[in-house]
Amino acid sequence: MTAQLTAPATLPTQEWIWQGHRICHTVQGSGLPLVLIHGFGASIGHWRKNIPELAAAGYQVHAIDLLGFGRSDKAELEYAVEVWEALLQDYWREHIGQPAVFVGNSIGGLLALMMLAHSPEMARAGVLLNSAGGLNHRPEELAPPLRFVMGTFSKLVSSNLLGPLLFNEVRRKFRIRGSLKQVYRNRDAITDELVDILHGPSCDPGAQKVFASILSAPAGPRPSELLPQIKQPLLVLWGENDPWTPIAGASIYEELSKTADIDPPVTFHSIPDTGHCPHDERPEIVNPLIKNWLQTL
């Protein structure tokens, strides 16, 4: 089922019904399929600086608003990375049908790894952009005081009484802008358009319930568990100044890239003076790196 929708930055999008839920997606260009997977709180609009250029380079570019984000439905359910993995698998079956390159930022990077590891017939290769190590922090990895704070915050956000009040504060535009200033080194990239892209979906009915569910969701598989299962080439791009997924977290990929006889190959590039979202902060660097690497496949 398809119907035209209006998306940020004039990206033409369509509607697809998945398990009874409306899913927003876009397709541009023709050629080898690329599937762009956004991170937490983001959407198709976060790829507005990448989709046109990749499509013009001779690729069929797909981008999807994961269930609970963007223009997709804010379904009330128990969210987990496995829910989005199933969504991506079904999207591939219905809209692609040939091995694709999965490109993900943050949580989207973890989902890209899961697609390569668990659905190799669907995945030609993968591109990770400051990939997350999990949907949430694992409690055993947090110091006891921080574990208590995070647990308390999750309970408050899930509260029927206090949850909506707290979420209304979190989603205010000046707070979104403040969060972006923490994770974007390129302040010129923090535009009113970007704030609107992140703020708009948070005003949809059900957004607070999605936020609360994700905060209490399992972390999902570790990259170190997925990597030994992956038999496709990987390109890993990492903003060096990311406080959310610090460059130290990229060491596993950097070490693999230095192993001369590794098959499949891992290509690693760190990007100086860049934070959590290099595709949006430095598209003039990221787009050529992706296009040049794709030519090697």
Protein backbone atom coordinates (compact mmCIF):
# COMPACT_ATOMS: atom_id res chain seq x y z
CA MET A 1 0.00 0.00 0.00
CA THR A 2 1.44 3.39 -0.95
CA ALA A 3 0.30 6.97 -0.47
CA GLN A 4 2.20 10.22 -0.85
CA LEU A 5 3.20 11.96 2.39
CA THR A 6 5.00 15.19 3.14
CA ALA A 7 8.39 14.85 4.83
CA PRO A 8 11.04 17.29 6.10
CA ALA A 9 13.34 18.90 3.57
CA THR A 10 10.90 18.11 0.72
CA LEU A 11 11.91 14.44 0.57
CA PRO A 12 9.06 12.58 -1.20
CA THR A 13 7.88 9.70 0.97
CA GLN A 14 5.39 6.88 0.84
CA GLU A 15 3.31 4.91 3.32
CA TRP A 16 3.65 1.16 3.80
CA ILE A 17 1.50 -0.91 6.14
CA TRP A 18 3.49 -3.34 8.30
CA GLN A 19 1.69 -5.54 10.82
CA GLY A 20 -1.15 -3.02 10.85
CA HIS A 21 1.13 -0.01 11.43
CA ARG A 22 1.83 2.88 9.05
CA ILE A 23 5.51 3.03 8.11
CA CYS A 24 6.95 6.05 6.29
CA HIS A 25 9.71 5.40 3.76
CA THR A 26 11.33 6.90 0.68
CA VAL A 27 13.03 5.49 -2.41
CA GLN A 28 15.22 7.54 -4.77
CA GLY A 29 17.44 6.58 -7.66
CA SER A 30 18.26 3.22 -9.24
CA GLY A 31 21.10 0.74 -8.99
CA LEU A 32 22.60 -1.17 -6.05
CA PRO A 33 20.13 -0.77 -3.14
CA LEU A 34 21.24 1.18 -0.06
CA VAL A 35 19.09 1.10 3.10
CA LEU A 36 19.63 4.07 5.43
CA ILE A 37 18.70 3.44 9.09
CA HIS A 38 18.46 6.41 11.45
CA GLY A 39 19.30 6.56 15.13
CA PHE A 40 17.27 7.17 18.30
CA GLY A 41 14.81 10.04 17.96
CA ALA A 42 15.72 10.71 14.32
CA SER A 43 13.97 9.95 11.02
CA ILE A 44 14.29 10.01 7.24
CA GLY A 45 14.89 13.77 7.38
CA HIS A 46 18.21 13.18 9.15
CA TRP A 47 19.49 11.79 5.82
CA ARG A 48 18.38 14.81 3.76
CA LYS A 49 22.02 15.74 2.99
CA ASN A 50 22.90 12.22 1.85
CA ILE A 51 19.95 10.71 -0.02
CA PRO A 52 20.02 12.99 -3.11
CA GLU A 53 23.79 12.72 -3.56
CA LEU A 54 23.87 8.92 -3.17
CA ALA A 55 20.92 8.53 -5.54
CA ALA A 56 22.61 10.81 -8.11
CA ALA A 57 25.73 8.61 -7.88
CA GLY A 58 23.82 5.62 -9.28
CA TYR A 59 22.29 3.90 -6.25
CA GLN A 60 18.73 3.03 -5.29
CA VAL A 61 18.48 4.73 -1.90
CA HIS A 62 15.88 3.54 0.60
CA ALA A 63 15.32 5.30 3.93
CA ILE A 64 12.75 4.29 6.49
CA ASP A 65 11.24 5.80 9.63
CA LEU A 66 11.50 2.99 12.17
CA LEU A 67 8.26 2.16 13.98
CA GLY A 68 7.83 4.71 16.77
CA PHE A 69 9.85 7.45 15.03
CA GLY A 70 9.44 10.09 12.35
CA ARG A 71 6.19 9.88 10.41
CA SER A 72 5.71 6.19 11.22
CA ASP A 73 3.08 5.14 13.76
CA LYS A 74 3.81 5.52 17.45
CA ALA A 75 2.55 2.06 18.33
CA GLU A 76 2.14 1.17 22.00
CA LEU A 77 4.18 -2.00 22.45
CA GLU A 78 7.34 -3.33 24.06
CA TYR A 79 10.09 -1.98 21.84
CA ALA A 80 13.31 -3.88 21.20
CA VAL A 81 15.93 -3.94 18.46
CA GLU A 82 14.42 -7.25 17.32
CA VAL A 83 11.14 -5.44 16.48
CA TRP A 84 12.98 -3.09 14.11
CA GLU A 85 15.07 -5.94 12.73
CA ALA A 86 11.85 -7.77 11.76
CA LEU A 87 10.56 -4.53 10.20
CA LEU A 88 13.72 -4.19 8.08
CA GLN A 89 13.59 -7.83 7.03
CA ASP A 90 9.98 -7.52 5.86
CA TYR A 91 10.72 -4.20 4.15
CA TRP A 92 13.55 -5.89 2.22
CA ARG A 93 11.24 -8.74 1.17
CA GLU A 94 8.53 -6.40 -0.09
CA HIS A 95 10.52 -3.48 -1.54
CA ILE A 96 14.05 -4.67 -2.42
CA GLY A 97 14.49 -8.39 -3.00
CA GLN A 98 18.24 -8.31 -3.76
CA PRO A 99 21.32 -7.97 -1.54
CA ALA A 100 21.52 -4.39 -0.22
CA VAL A 101 24.06 -2.24 1.60
CA PHE A 102 22.73 -1.38 5.07
CA VAL A 103 23.88 2.04 6.32
CA GLY A 104 23.18 2.98 9.94
CA ASN A 105 23.89 5.76 12.42
CA SER A 106 23.93 5.10 16.18
CA ILE A 107 21.18 2.54 16.92
CA GLY A 108 20.79 2.25 13.16
CA GLY A 109 24.39 1.01 13.03
CA LEU A 110 23.62 -1.76 15.48
CA LEU A 111 20.60 -2.72 13.35
CA ALA A 112 22.80 -2.76 10.24
CA LEU A 113 25.17 -5.18 12.00
CA MET A 114 22.21 -7.36 12.98
CA MET A 115 20.99 -7.48 9.37
CA LEU A 116 24.43 -8.50 8.11
CA ALA A 117 24.84 -11.16 10.81
CA HIS A 118 21.33 -12.62 10.89
CA SER A 119 20.10 -12.09 7.30
CA PRO A 120 23.17 -12.54 5.07
CA GLU A 121 21.02 -13.23 2.00
CA MET A 122 19.65 -9.70 2.31
CA ALA A 123 22.94 -7.89 2.94
CA ARG A 124 25.69 -7.12 0.41
CA ALA A 125 27.72 -4.96 2.81
CA GLY A 126 27.39 -2.52 5.70
CA VAL A 127 28.28 1.07 6.61
CA LEU A 128 28.41 2.09 10.27
CA LEU A 129 28.37 5.72 11.42
CA ASN A 130 29.19 6.04 15.13
CA SER A 131 27.41 2.77 15.72
CA ALA A 132 25.80 2.18 19.12
CA GLY A 133 26.86 -0.72 21.30
CA GLY A 134 23.28 -1.30 22.45
CA LEU A 135 19.80 0.20 22.51
CA ASN A 136 20.40 1.21 26.14
CA HIS A 137 23.23 1.11 28.64
CA ARG A 138 23.57 -2.31 30.18
CA PRO A 139 22.96 -2.02 33.96
CA GLU A 140 26.03 -4.11 34.78
CA GLU A 141 28.20 -1.58 32.91
CA LEU A 142 27.00 1.39 34.98
CA ALA A 143 28.34 2.48 38.36
CA PRO A 144 25.74 1.92 41.12
CA PRO A 145 24.85 5.65 41.52
CA LEU A 146 24.32 6.11 37.77
CA ARG A 147 22.42 2.82 37.60
CA PHE A 148 20.03 4.17 40.25
CA VAL A 149 19.60 7.51 38.45
CA MET A 150 18.88 5.85 35.10
CA GLY A 151 16.46 3.39 36.68
CA THR A 152 14.61 6.16 38.49
CA PHE A 153 14.39 8.29 35.34
CA SER A 154 12.97 5.35 33.36
CA LYS A 155 10.31 4.76 36.00
CA LEU A 156 9.34 8.44 36.08
CA VAL A 157 9.05 8.65 32.28
CA SER A 158 6.85 5.53 32.30
CA SER A 159 4.53 6.95 34.98
CA ASN A 160 1.02 7.76 33.77
CA LEU A 161 1.02 10.88 35.93
CA LEU A 162 4.56 12.23 35.71
CA GLY A 163 5.62 10.68 32.41
CA PRO A 164 3.81 13.12 30.10
CA LEU A 165 4.99 16.11 32.16
CA LEU A 166 8.61 14.97 32.06
CA PHE A 167 8.43 14.13 28.36
CA ASN A 168 6.97 17.56 27.59
CA GLU A 169 10.08 19.08 29.15
CA VAL A 170 12.49 16.74 27.35
CA ARG A 171 10.99 17.47 23.92
CA ARG A 172 10.99 21.27 24.16
CA LYS A 173 12.87 22.82 21.27
CA PHE A 174 15.46 24.61 23.37
CA ARG A 175 16.28 21.33 25.13
CA ILE A 176 16.62 19.52 21.80
CA ARG A 177 18.96 22.27 20.64
CA GLY A 178 20.93 21.95 23.88
CA SER A 179 21.31 18.19 23.40
CA LEU A 180 22.49 18.73 19.83
CA LYS A 181 25.14 21.15 21.08
CA GLN A 182 26.49 18.34 23.26
CA VAL A 183 26.81 15.81 20.43
CA TYR A 184 27.45 18.00 17.34
CA ARG A 185 30.88 19.56 17.05
CA ASN A 186 29.87 21.33 13.85
CA ARG A 187 27.53 23.95 15.31
CA ASP A 188 26.65 25.24 11.83
CA ALA A 189 24.81 21.95 11.29
CA ILE A 190 22.44 22.69 14.20
CA THR A 191 19.76 24.49 12.22
CA ASP A 192 16.11 25.31 12.89
CA GLU A 193 15.28 22.70 10.25
CA LEU A 194 17.16 20.00 12.17
CA VAL A 195 15.46 20.93 15.45
CA ASP A 196 12.08 20.76 13.71
CA ILE A 197 12.91 17.33 12.23
CA LEU A 198 13.54 16.00 15.75
CA HIS A 199 10.79 17.94 17.51
CA GLY A 200 7.86 17.32 15.16
CA PRO A 201 7.45 13.55 15.70
CA SER A 202 7.72 14.00 19.48
CA CYS A 203 4.40 15.86 19.36
CA ASP A 204 2.54 12.90 17.84
CA PRO A 205 0.07 10.97 20.04
CA GLY A 206 1.84 8.03 21.62
CA ALA A 207 5.36 9.51 21.38
CA GLN A 208 5.78 9.60 25.16
CA LYS A 209 4.84 5.92 25.49
CA VAL A 210 7.38 5.03 22.78
CA PHE A 211 10.08 7.02 24.58
CA ALA A 212 9.32 5.31 27.90
CA SER A 213 9.25 1.84 26.33
CA ILE A 214 12.60 2.30 24.59
CA LEU A 215 14.29 3.61 27.74
CA SER A 216 13.41 0.39 29.56
CA ALA A 217 14.04 -1.96 26.61
CA PRO A 218 16.81 -4.59 26.55
CA ALA A 219 20.14 -3.41 25.17
CA GLY A 220 20.20 -6.06 22.42
CA PRO A 221 23.21 -7.97 21.08
CA ARG A 222 26.72 -6.64 21.50
CA PRO A 223 28.72 -5.74 18.38
CA SER A 224 31.43 -8.13 19.62
CA GLU A 225 28.86 -10.94 19.43
CA LEU A 226 27.71 -9.98 15.93
CA LEU A 227 31.04 -9.31 14.20
CA PRO A 228 32.27 -12.94 14.12
CA GLN A 229 29.06 -13.85 12.24
CA ILE A 230 29.51 -11.20 9.54
CA LYS A 231 30.82 -12.30 6.15
CA GLN A 232 30.33 -9.02 4.24
CA PRO A 233 32.61 -5.97 3.84
CA LEU A 234 32.22 -3.17 6.38
CA LEU A 235 32.91 0.56 6.17
CA VAL A 236 33.12 2.19 9.61
CA LEU A 237 33.09 5.99 9.92
CA TRP A 238 33.45 7.58 13.36
CA GLY A 239 33.23 11.17 14.55
CA GLU A 240 36.16 11.55 16.93
CA ASN A 241 34.42 13.90 19.37
CA ASP A 242 31.26 11.94 20.13
CA PRO A 243 30.34 11.94 23.85
CA TRP A 244 27.56 9.33 23.34
CA THR A 245 29.59 6.69 21.51
CA PRO A 246 33.19 7.80 22.17
CA ILE A 247 35.96 7.01 19.73
CA ALA A 248 37.24 4.41 22.22
CA GLY A 249 34.18 2.34 21.28
CA ALA A 250 35.47 2.19 17.72
CA SER A 251 38.63 0.34 18.71
CA ILE A 252 37.17 -3.07 17.86
CA TYR A 253 36.59 -1.91 14.27
CA GLU A 254 39.88 -0.04 14.01
CA GLU A 255 41.83 -3.13 15.06
CA LEU A 256 39.97 -5.28 12.52
CA SER A 257 40.81 -2.77 9.78
CA LYS A 258 44.53 -3.18 10.56
CA THR A 259 44.38 -6.95 10.10
CA ALA A 260 45.80 -7.45 6.61
CA ASP A 261 44.41 -10.91 5.94
CA ILE A 262 40.90 -10.39 7.36
CA ASP A 263 38.08 -11.53 5.10
CA PRO A 264 35.73 -9.77 4.70
CA PRO A 265 37.66 -6.50 4.90
CA VAL A 266 36.86 -3.75 7.39
CA THR A 267 37.64 -0.18 6.32
CA PHE A 268 37.86 2.41 9.10
CA HIS A 269 38.01 6.22 8.98
CA SER A 270 37.89 8.56 11.97
CA ILE A 271 36.57 12.05 11.26
CA PRO A 272 38.19 14.86 13.29
CA ASP A 273 36.21 17.60 15.02
CA THR A 274 32.96 15.68 14.49
CA GLY A 275 30.41 14.26 16.88
CA HIS A 276 27.71 11.60 16.90
CA CYS A 277 26.10 12.19 13.50
CA PRO A 278 28.89 12.58 10.91
CA HIS A 279 26.52 12.13 7.95
CA ASP A 280 24.63 15.27 8.99
CA GLU A 281 27.55 17.23 10.46
CA ARG A 282 30.10 16.60 7.70
CA PRO A 283 28.25 15.37 4.58
CA GLU A 284 30.99 16.87 2.42
CA ILE A 285 33.35 14.30 4.00
CA VAL A 286 31.00 11.37 4.58
CA ASN A 287 29.27 11.25 1.20
CA PRO A 288 32.53 10.92 -0.82
CA LEU A 289 33.89 8.32 1.64
CA ILE A 290 30.77 6.19 1.19
CA LYS A 291 30.66 6.61 -2.59
CA ASN A 292 34.35 5.78 -3.03
CA TRP A 293 34.05 2.69 -0.83
CA LEU A 294 30.93 1.48 -2.66
CA GLN A 295 32.98 1.48 -5.86
CA THR A 296 35.22 -1.20 -4.32
CA LEU A 297 32.41 -3.71 -3.78
